[in-house]
């Protein structure tokens, strides 16, 4: 027979793992949104890009989108100067 302590331990471990599953789903969703934003940027879909980018929040690769924007701006400035 399973003791009460074992049952409580199993329940506690299960409850600890639930947020990890939820976070994994969130990261997958954010990854898809990031890729869609990247494609929108490459296709010059500014409105779609801005909407997708703003929904990313604290996604770790969010900075790569900022980098792409800065890179494009620097190219424009460089072209104007030359």
Protein backbone atom coordinates (compact mmCIF):
# COMPACT_ATOMS: atom_id res chain seq x y z
CA UNK A 1 0.00 0.00 0.00
CA UNK A 2 1.26 3.49 -0.84
CA UNK A 3 1.95 5.60 2.19
CA UNK A 4 0.51 9.06 2.66
CA UNK A 5 3.99 10.57 2.53
CA UNK A 6 4.71 8.96 -0.85
CA UNK A 7 1.39 10.19 -2.23
CA UNK A 8 2.04 13.75 -1.05
CA UNK A 9 5.57 13.66 -2.49
CA UNK A 10 4.28 12.44 -5.85
CA UNK A 11 1.60 15.13 -5.90
CA UNK A 12 4.15 17.82 -5.00
CA UNK A 13 6.52 16.73 -7.79
CA UNK A 14 3.67 16.67 -10.28
CA UNK A 15 2.62 20.19 -9.30
CA UNK A 16 6.21 21.38 -9.72
CA UNK A 17 6.40 19.99 -13.26
CA UNK A 18 3.19 21.61 -14.54
CA UNK A 19 4.71 25.11 -15.01
CA UNK A 20 7.56 23.58 -17.03
CA UNK A 21 5.07 22.08 -19.46
CA UNK A 22 3.21 25.38 -19.73
CA UNK A 23 6.43 27.27 -20.33
CA UNK A 24 7.50 24.84 -23.06
CA UNK A 25 4.27 25.53 -24.91
CA UNK A 26 4.77 29.25 -24.50
CA UNK A 27 8.32 29.05 -25.86
CA UNK A 28 7.10 27.08 -28.88
CA UNK A 29 4.45 29.73 -29.53
CA UNK A 30 7.00 32.52 -29.12
CA UNK A 31 9.40 30.74 -31.49
CA UNK A 32 6.70 30.55 -34.16
CA UNK A 33 5.85 34.22 -33.62
CA UNK A 34 9.53 35.16 -33.84
CA UNK A 35 9.94 33.30 -37.13
CA UNK A 36 6.79 34.93 -38.51
CA UNK A 37 8.08 38.37 -37.44
CA UNK A 38 11.43 37.67 -39.07
CA UNK A 39 9.67 36.70 -42.32
CA UNK A 40 7.45 39.78 -42.17
CA UNK A 41 10.58 41.92 -41.77
CA UNK A 42 12.24 40.28 -44.77
CA UNK A 43 9.05 40.77 -46.82
CA UNK A 44 8.89 44.47 -45.81
CA UNK A 45 5.54 43.92 -44.09
CA UNK A 46 6.09 46.66 -41.51
CA UNK A 47 2.61 46.54 -40.00
CA UNK A 48 2.64 42.76 -39.57
CA UNK A 49 6.20 42.85 -38.28
CA UNK A 50 5.43 45.46 -35.61
CA UNK A 51 2.36 43.55 -34.45
CA UNK A 52 4.24 40.25 -34.18
CA UNK A 53 7.29 41.84 -32.57
CA UNK A 54 5.24 43.58 -29.89
CA UNK A 55 3.65 40.28 -28.89
CA UNK A 56 7.01 38.62 -28.19
CA UNK A 57 7.57 40.33 -24.85
CA UNK A 58 10.56 38.78 -23.11
CA UNK A 59 11.38 36.09 -25.70
CA UNK A 60 15.17 35.62 -25.61
CA UNK A 61 15.70 36.07 -29.36
CA UNK A 62 13.70 39.31 -29.43
CA UNK A 63 17.00 41.22 -29.60
CA UNK A 64 17.80 39.73 -33.00
CA UNK A 65 14.82 41.61 -34.42
CA UNK A 66 16.17 44.83 -32.90
CA UNK A 67 19.53 44.02 -34.47
CA UNK A 68 17.94 43.55 -37.91
CA UNK A 69 16.25 46.95 -37.58
CA UNK A 70 19.47 48.68 -36.55
CA UNK A 71 21.40 47.00 -39.32
CA UNK A 72 18.91 48.27 -41.91
CA UNK A 73 19.00 51.80 -40.46
CA UNK A 74 22.80 51.85 -40.45
CA UNK A 75 22.85 50.77 -44.08
CA UNK A 76 20.51 53.65 -44.96
CA UNK A 77 22.70 56.15 -43.09
CA UNK A 78 25.84 54.76 -44.70
CA UNK A 79 24.23 55.02 -48.15
CA UNK A 80 23.26 58.65 -47.47
CA UNK A 81 26.75 59.57 -46.32
CA UNK A 82 28.48 57.94 -49.25
